[in-house]
Amino acid sequence: MSPATPQYSTLPRVGVIFNPRSHRNRQLCDEAAALPGVSVASPEKRGELAAVLAGFAEEGVECIAISGGDGTVRDVLTAGMRVFGDRWPLLAVIPAGKTNALSHDLGAPKHWTIQEAVAAVRDGKRVVRRPMIVRDVEGGGELAGFVLGAGLFTVAVNAGQDAHRLGAFDGVAVVATALWGIAQGLFGSDHNHWRRGAPMRIRVGQEGRELPRSARGDPRRRGMLLAATLERFAFGINPYGRLTGLKLAVMDHPRRRLMAMIPAVAWGWESEWLEKAGLHRCSTDRILLDLGDRFILDGEAFPAGSYELTEGPRLSFVVP
C-alpha cells in the first residue's frame, strides 16, 4: 500500500461524478470504482444529473467529488440546486477538463487523484466559495457557475476552443487566446469581430441602477463584460483588484490605448483613468443584464436574453 493510500476502514461515504467526455477521466473512473465507500456515476446527459444527485442524497454521502472541467462543475451545481438548495454536502473538484479555473482558485492539485480527494474529506482543508446564480428573467430557468462573460469574452472563448482542438489546454490556451485578442484589439478595425462587442444593458444593485458608460463607441453596445465569484485566477491574474464577492468588469469600447493597458489591468493595476477610458469595475449583490448576443458561462455559450445574476449558497470544497 502506498503512503498516499487512505485507510479504507476510515473512509467517508463519497459520491463521484465523472464527465465521460473529459480527456483525463478514463483512468480515474476505473480507480474510483475500485474504492470501498465510493459510489460512481458517469451520466451521458445533463438531464440525468438530478437523479444521480438525488440518489447520492438518499445514500447520505458526505462529499460529492466532481471529476471534470469547469463546465462539468457548472452542470452539477445547476442540477443540484433543486436537490440540495442551500444545504449541500462537501464538494471536491478533480481537475480533468479542458479548463479548470475553479480548481485553480481552490488550490486543488493539477493531478489530484480520487484517493487523495477521498482522504481530504477527513484530513484536508475547507475552502468556501459561492457560485453565481444566473436566472433567466423571462424563461425562469437558472444556471449556477463561477465565470460569465459576453462581447469580446465570447469571441475569445470561441478562439480558445480552436486552441483546444490544436491540443492546447488550460494555461497554454488562455495565454495564446489572450495574446491574440490583444493583438486584434490593437491592430484590427472596428469591423473586426474582436472589437465589435455586443448589444447589452447593464444594471447593478437591488435598485437596478445603470452602470456608468463613457462616450466611447456605440452607446447601445459594450466591448466586453466579465462577471465572476472566483477569488484567484491562473498566472496571478487579478482583473478585479481588491474587489470581493460577485464582481463585475466592463469595457465600453476597445480603445487602442486601453487595450494596450490590458496586461497591467489583468494583474490588478488600478487608476482613476481607467473608468474615464471606459473600463468599469465593481462588486455588487445583483446584476441585471439585457444581452443582445450569446454569453459564456464556465466555457459554454448560452442564448441572448434578460438575466439576473446573484450570489448562490456558500459551498464548502475540500482541498489537501
Protein backbone atom coordinates (compact mmCIF):
# COMPACT_ATOMS: atom_id res chain seq x y z
CA MET A 1 0.00 0.00 0.00
CA SER A 2 1.46 3.36 -0.99
CA PRO A 3 1.81 6.15 1.62
CA ALA A 4 -0.83 8.24 -0.21
CA THR A 5 -3.49 5.50 0.01
CA PRO A 6 -6.05 6.22 2.78
CA GLN A 7 -7.04 3.52 5.26
CA TYR A 8 -10.32 2.12 3.92
CA SER A 9 -11.76 1.49 7.37
CA THR A 10 -11.95 5.25 7.94
CA LEU A 11 -13.21 6.27 4.52
CA PRO A 12 -16.26 8.53 4.41
CA ARG A 13 -19.14 7.93 2.03
CA VAL A 14 -18.31 9.74 -1.22
CA GLY A 15 -20.20 10.07 -4.49
CA VAL A 16 -18.07 10.69 -7.59
CA ILE A 17 -19.42 12.18 -10.81
CA PHE A 18 -17.35 11.80 -13.97
CA ASN A 19 -17.77 13.68 -17.20
CA PRO A 20 -17.44 10.83 -19.71
CA ARG A 21 -16.15 13.29 -22.33
CA SER A 22 -13.34 14.78 -20.22
CA HIS A 23 -9.99 13.91 -21.70
CA ARG A 24 -8.41 12.84 -18.38
CA ASN A 25 -11.20 10.75 -16.89
CA ARG A 26 -10.92 7.20 -18.25
CA GLN A 27 -8.25 6.00 -15.83
CA LEU A 28 -9.70 7.97 -12.90
CA CYS A 29 -13.10 6.32 -13.33
CA ASP A 30 -11.59 2.84 -13.06
CA GLU A 31 -9.63 3.83 -9.96
CA ALA A 32 -12.69 5.27 -8.23
CA ALA A 33 -14.87 2.23 -8.94
CA ALA A 34 -12.41 0.05 -7.02
CA LEU A 35 -12.59 2.12 -3.82
CA PRO A 36 -14.81 0.96 -0.92
CA GLY A 37 -17.36 3.53 0.23
CA VAL A 38 -17.38 5.30 -3.12
CA SER A 39 -20.38 5.49 -5.46
CA VAL A 40 -19.54 6.30 -9.08
CA ALA A 41 -21.77 7.88 -11.73
CA SER A 42 -20.91 8.89 -15.28
CA PRO A 43 -24.13 10.31 -16.77
CA GLU A 44 -24.15 10.78 -20.52
CA LYS A 45 -26.77 13.58 -20.46
CA ARG A 46 -27.29 16.63 -18.26
CA GLY A 47 -30.87 15.56 -17.65
CA GLU A 48 -29.61 12.53 -15.73
CA LEU A 49 -27.66 14.58 -13.18
CA ALA A 50 -30.59 15.48 -10.92
CA ALA A 51 -31.47 11.79 -10.43
CA VAL A 52 -27.81 10.94 -9.73
CA LEU A 53 -27.56 13.68 -7.11
CA ALA A 54 -30.87 12.69 -5.54
CA GLY A 55 -29.51 9.16 -5.25
CA PHE A 56 -26.38 10.46 -3.54
CA ALA A 57 -28.57 12.41 -1.12
CA GLU A 58 -30.54 9.25 -0.26
CA GLU A 59 -27.27 7.40 0.34
CA GLY A 60 -26.19 10.12 2.75
CA VAL A 61 -22.91 10.91 1.01
CA GLU A 62 -20.65 13.24 2.97
CA CYS A 63 -18.90 14.55 -0.12
CA ILE A 64 -19.57 14.79 -3.84
CA ALA A 65 -16.40 14.70 -5.92
CA ILE A 66 -16.70 16.13 -9.44
CA SER A 67 -14.16 14.92 -11.97
CA GLY A 68 -14.20 17.19 -15.00
CA GLY A 69 -13.67 20.78 -16.03
CA ASP A 70 -15.49 23.99 -15.20
CA GLY A 71 -18.43 23.05 -17.43
CA THR A 72 -18.97 19.78 -15.56
CA VAL A 73 -18.97 21.63 -12.23
CA ARG A 74 -21.50 24.12 -13.63
CA ASP A 75 -23.83 21.33 -14.74
CA VAL A 76 -23.61 19.51 -11.40
CA LEU A 77 -24.27 22.67 -9.38
CA THR A 78 -27.14 23.67 -11.65
CA ALA A 79 -28.83 20.28 -11.27
CA GLY A 80 -28.01 20.09 -7.56
CA MET A 81 -29.68 23.39 -6.64
CA ARG A 82 -33.04 21.63 -6.98
CA VAL A 83 -31.84 18.71 -4.85
CA PHE A 84 -29.81 20.38 -2.09
CA GLY A 85 -30.91 24.02 -2.11
CA ASP A 86 -28.75 25.79 0.47
CA ARG A 87 -27.71 22.57 2.28
CA TRP A 88 -25.02 20.91 0.21
CA PRO A 89 -22.63 18.17 1.32
CA LEU A 90 -18.92 18.81 0.99
CA LEU A 91 -17.62 19.11 -2.56
CA ALA A 92 -14.31 18.20 -4.17
CA VAL A 93 -13.15 19.12 -7.68
CA ILE A 94 -10.81 16.81 -9.60
CA PRO A 95 -9.45 18.92 -12.49
CA ALA A 96 -10.00 16.73 -15.54
CA GLY A 97 -11.35 19.12 -18.16
CA LYS A 98 -10.01 21.48 -20.80
CA THR A 99 -10.42 24.48 -18.47
CA ASN A 100 -10.19 24.23 -14.68
CA ALA A 101 -10.42 27.79 -13.34
CA LEU A 102 -12.35 26.76 -10.21
CA SER A 103 -9.86 24.08 -9.18
CA HIS A 104 -7.05 26.63 -9.56
CA ASP A 105 -8.96 29.08 -7.37
CA LEU A 106 -9.48 26.39 -4.73
CA GLY A 107 -5.84 25.30 -4.80
CA ALA A 108 -6.59 21.72 -5.86
CA PRO A 109 -3.51 19.92 -7.25
CA LYS A 110 -3.46 19.66 -11.02
CA HIS A 111 -3.02 15.88 -10.87
CA TRP A 112 -5.12 15.21 -7.78
CA THR A 113 -6.34 11.62 -7.55
CA ILE A 114 -9.68 10.28 -6.37
CA GLN A 115 -7.91 8.51 -3.48
CA GLU A 116 -6.35 11.78 -2.35
CA ALA A 117 -9.66 13.62 -2.64
CA VAL A 118 -11.39 10.97 -0.52
CA ALA A 119 -8.65 11.23 2.12
CA ALA A 120 -9.03 15.04 2.13
CA VAL A 121 -12.63 14.70 3.30
CA ARG A 122 -11.20 13.66 6.66
CA ASP A 123 -7.79 15.32 6.69
CA GLY A 124 -7.91 18.23 4.24
CA LYS A 125 -8.80 21.90 4.46
CA ARG A 126 -12.07 23.59 3.56
CA VAL A 127 -12.41 26.47 1.09
CA VAL A 128 -15.74 28.28 0.86
CA ARG A 129 -16.95 29.70 -2.44
CA ARG A 130 -20.32 30.99 -3.61
CA PRO A 131 -21.36 30.27 -7.18
CA MET A 132 -23.15 32.83 -9.32
CA ILE A 133 -26.84 32.10 -9.91
CA VAL A 134 -27.88 33.16 -13.41
CA ARG A 135 -31.66 33.39 -13.65
CA ASP A 136 -33.44 33.71 -16.97
CA VAL A 137 -35.84 36.59 -16.24
CA GLU A 138 -38.28 35.59 -18.98
CA GLY A 139 -37.93 31.81 -19.04
CA GLY A 140 -37.44 31.31 -15.31
CA GLY A 141 -34.64 28.74 -15.58
CA GLU A 142 -31.46 29.01 -13.53
CA LEU A 143 -27.79 28.17 -14.02
CA ALA A 144 -25.03 28.05 -11.42
CA GLY A 145 -21.44 28.88 -12.32
CA PHE A 146 -18.41 30.97 -11.48
CA VAL A 147 -17.34 32.98 -14.56
CA LEU A 148 -19.69 34.70 -17.02
CA GLY A 149 -18.59 36.76 -19.99
CA ALA A 150 -20.02 38.47 -23.05
CA GLY A 151 -18.83 40.53 -26.01
CA LEU A 152 -15.09 40.14 -26.56
CA PHE A 153 -15.06 37.38 -23.94
CA THR A 154 -17.38 35.25 -26.10
CA VAL A 155 -15.13 35.75 -29.13
CA ALA A 156 -12.07 34.83 -27.05
CA VAL A 157 -13.64 31.63 -25.71
CA ASN A 158 -14.57 30.57 -29.24
CA ALA A 159 -10.94 31.15 -30.23
CA GLY A 160 -9.88 29.14 -27.20
CA GLN A 161 -11.94 26.21 -28.46
CA ASP A 162 -9.84 26.34 -31.63
CA ALA A 163 -6.73 26.22 -29.42
CA HIS A 164 -8.14 23.14 -27.67
CA ARG A 165 -8.64 21.42 -31.00
CA LEU A 166 -4.98 22.11 -31.74
CA GLY A 167 -4.01 20.44 -28.47
CA ALA A 168 -3.56 23.42 -26.11
CA PHE A 169 -5.31 23.16 -22.75
CA ASP A 170 -5.63 25.15 -19.51
CA GLY A 171 -2.96 27.90 -19.20
CA VAL A 172 -1.47 27.45 -22.66
CA ALA A 173 -4.83 28.05 -24.32
CA VAL A 174 -5.59 31.04 -22.06
CA VAL A 175 -2.27 32.75 -22.80
CA ALA A 176 -2.44 32.10 -26.55
CA THR A 177 -6.01 33.39 -26.77
CA ALA A 178 -5.30 36.46 -24.63
CA LEU A 179 -2.29 37.47 -26.72
CA TRP A 180 -4.21 37.02 -29.95
CA GLY A 181 -7.15 39.05 -28.60
CA ILE A 182 -4.92 41.94 -27.54
CA ALA A 183 -3.28 41.97 -30.96
CA GLN A 184 -6.67 42.05 -32.69
CA GLY A 185 -7.85 44.81 -30.37
CA LEU A 186 -4.77 46.90 -31.06
CA PHE A 187 -4.48 46.49 -34.81
CA GLY A 188 -7.92 45.47 -36.06
CA SER A 189 -10.61 47.82 -37.34
CA ASP A 190 -13.97 48.40 -35.66
CA HIS A 191 -15.47 45.97 -38.18
CA ASN A 192 -13.30 43.21 -36.71
CA HIS A 193 -15.43 40.85 -34.59
CA TRP A 194 -12.82 41.12 -31.82
CA ARG A 195 -13.66 44.83 -31.49
CA ARG A 196 -17.41 44.97 -32.14
CA GLY A 197 -18.59 43.92 -28.69
CA ALA A 198 -22.27 43.09 -28.20
CA PRO A 199 -25.56 44.90 -27.55
CA MET A 200 -26.13 44.97 -23.79
CA ARG A 201 -27.72 46.94 -20.99
CA ILE A 202 -26.22 46.56 -17.51
CA ARG A 203 -27.83 47.47 -14.18
CA VAL A 204 -26.44 46.72 -10.72
CA GLY A 205 -27.62 46.56 -7.12
CA GLN A 206 -31.04 45.93 -5.65
CA GLU A 207 -32.25 49.26 -7.03
CA GLY A 208 -31.07 48.33 -10.55
CA ARG A 209 -29.02 51.46 -11.23
CA GLU A 210 -27.47 51.79 -14.66
CA LEU A 211 -23.77 51.02 -14.86
CA PRO A 212 -21.92 54.20 -15.92
CA ARG A 213 -20.78 54.44 -19.50
CA SER A 214 -18.16 56.54 -21.21
CA ALA A 215 -18.80 58.33 -24.51
CA ARG A 216 -16.58 55.92 -26.44
CA GLY A 217 -18.14 53.59 -29.01
CA ASP A 218 -21.77 52.74 -29.77
CA PRO A 219 -23.88 53.57 -26.66
CA ARG A 220 -26.03 50.50 -27.32
CA ARG A 221 -23.06 48.14 -27.11
CA ARG A 222 -20.26 47.25 -24.72
CA GLY A 223 -16.93 45.80 -25.78
CA MET A 224 -16.67 43.17 -23.07
CA LEU A 225 -18.30 42.04 -19.84
CA LEU A 226 -16.81 39.70 -17.25
CA ALA A 227 -18.57 38.69 -14.01
CA ALA A 228 -17.13 36.20 -11.52
CA THR A 229 -17.20 34.96 -7.95
CA LEU A 230 -13.77 33.30 -8.10
CA GLU A 231 -11.10 34.84 -5.87
CA ARG A 232 -7.89 33.67 -7.60
CA PHE A 233 -7.06 33.24 -11.27
CA ALA A 234 -4.29 31.45 -13.13
CA PHE A 235 -0.84 33.09 -13.52
CA GLY A 236 -1.60 35.52 -10.69
CA ILE A 237 -4.14 37.38 -12.84
CA ASN A 238 -6.26 39.74 -10.74
CA PRO A 239 -8.67 41.62 -13.05
CA TYR A 240 -10.78 42.93 -10.16
CA GLY A 241 -8.12 44.45 -7.95
CA ARG A 242 -9.25 44.39 -4.32
CA LEU A 243 -12.92 43.61 -5.04
CA THR A 244 -14.56 40.54 -3.48
CA GLY A 245 -17.83 38.62 -3.80
CA LEU A 246 -19.84 38.99 -7.02
CA LYS A 247 -17.53 41.09 -9.17
CA LEU A 248 -18.09 42.83 -12.48
CA ALA A 249 -15.68 44.28 -15.05
CA VAL A 250 -16.95 46.01 -18.21
CA MET A 251 -15.12 47.59 -21.12
CA ASP A 252 -17.22 50.08 -23.08
CA HIS A 253 -15.13 50.07 -26.25
CA PRO A 254 -11.71 48.54 -27.05
CA ARG A 255 -9.80 51.79 -27.45
CA ARG A 256 -6.29 51.01 -28.56
CA ARG A 257 -4.71 52.83 -25.63
CA LEU A 258 -6.96 50.91 -23.24
CA MET A 259 -6.23 47.59 -24.94
CA ALA A 260 -2.51 48.27 -24.60
CA MET A 261 -3.04 48.56 -20.82
CA ILE A 262 -4.97 45.28 -20.51
CA PRO A 263 -1.95 43.27 -19.27
CA ALA A 264 -1.45 45.75 -16.42
CA VAL A 265 -5.18 45.75 -15.63
CA ALA A 266 -5.23 41.95 -15.65
CA TRP A 267 -2.58 41.93 -12.92
CA GLY A 268 -4.52 44.31 -10.70
CA TRP A 269 -3.48 47.81 -11.77
CA GLU A 270 -5.93 50.43 -10.55
CA SER A 271 -6.24 54.02 -11.73
CA GLU A 272 -8.94 56.68 -11.96
CA TRP A 273 -8.01 56.99 -15.62
CA LEU A 274 -9.42 53.53 -16.35
CA GLU A 275 -13.04 54.49 -15.72
CA LYS A 276 -12.66 57.64 -17.77
CA ALA A 277 -11.24 55.47 -20.55
CA GLY A 278 -14.28 53.19 -20.37
CA LEU A 279 -13.29 50.34 -18.02
CA HIS A 280 -15.67 49.90 -15.08
CA ARG A 281 -15.21 47.52 -12.14
CA CYS A 282 -17.40 46.96 -9.10
CA SER A 283 -18.65 44.38 -6.64
CA THR A 284 -22.39 44.10 -6.07
CA ASP A 285 -25.14 41.81 -4.81
CA ARG A 286 -27.17 41.84 -8.05
CA ILE A 287 -26.55 42.32 -11.76
CA LEU A 288 -29.30 42.70 -14.36
CA LEU A 289 -28.25 42.01 -17.95
CA ASP A 290 -30.14 42.53 -21.18
CA LEU A 291 -27.94 40.81 -23.74
CA GLY A 292 -28.39 41.01 -27.50
CA ASP A 293 -25.86 38.26 -28.14
CA ARG A 294 -24.79 34.98 -26.58
CA PHE A 295 -22.87 34.84 -23.31
CA ILE A 296 -20.40 32.31 -21.94
CA LEU A 297 -20.81 30.65 -18.53
CA ASP A 298 -17.88 28.47 -17.48
CA GLY A 299 -16.85 27.71 -21.03
CA GLU A 300 -20.22 27.17 -22.75
CA ALA A 301 -22.39 29.54 -24.76
CA PHE A 302 -25.97 30.34 -23.75
CA PRO A 303 -28.57 32.38 -25.68
CA ALA A 304 -29.19 36.12 -25.64
CA GLY A 305 -31.89 37.39 -23.30
CA SER A 306 -32.54 39.06 -19.96
CA TYR A 307 -30.76 37.63 -16.93
CA GLU A 308 -30.38 38.32 -13.21
CA LEU A 309 -27.09 37.44 -11.52
CA THR A 310 -26.85 36.94 -7.75
CA GLU A 311 -24.62 35.01 -5.37
CA GLY A 312 -25.65 31.44 -4.60
CA PRO A 313 -25.25 29.40 -1.39
CA ARG A 314 -21.98 29.05 0.48
CA LEU A 315 -20.37 25.81 -0.71
CA SER A 316 -17.56 24.07 1.15
CA PHE A 317 -14.86 22.49 -1.02
CA VAL A 318 -12.25 20.08 0.34
CA VAL A 319 -8.61 20.55 -0.68
CA PRO A 320 -5.38 18.91 0.57
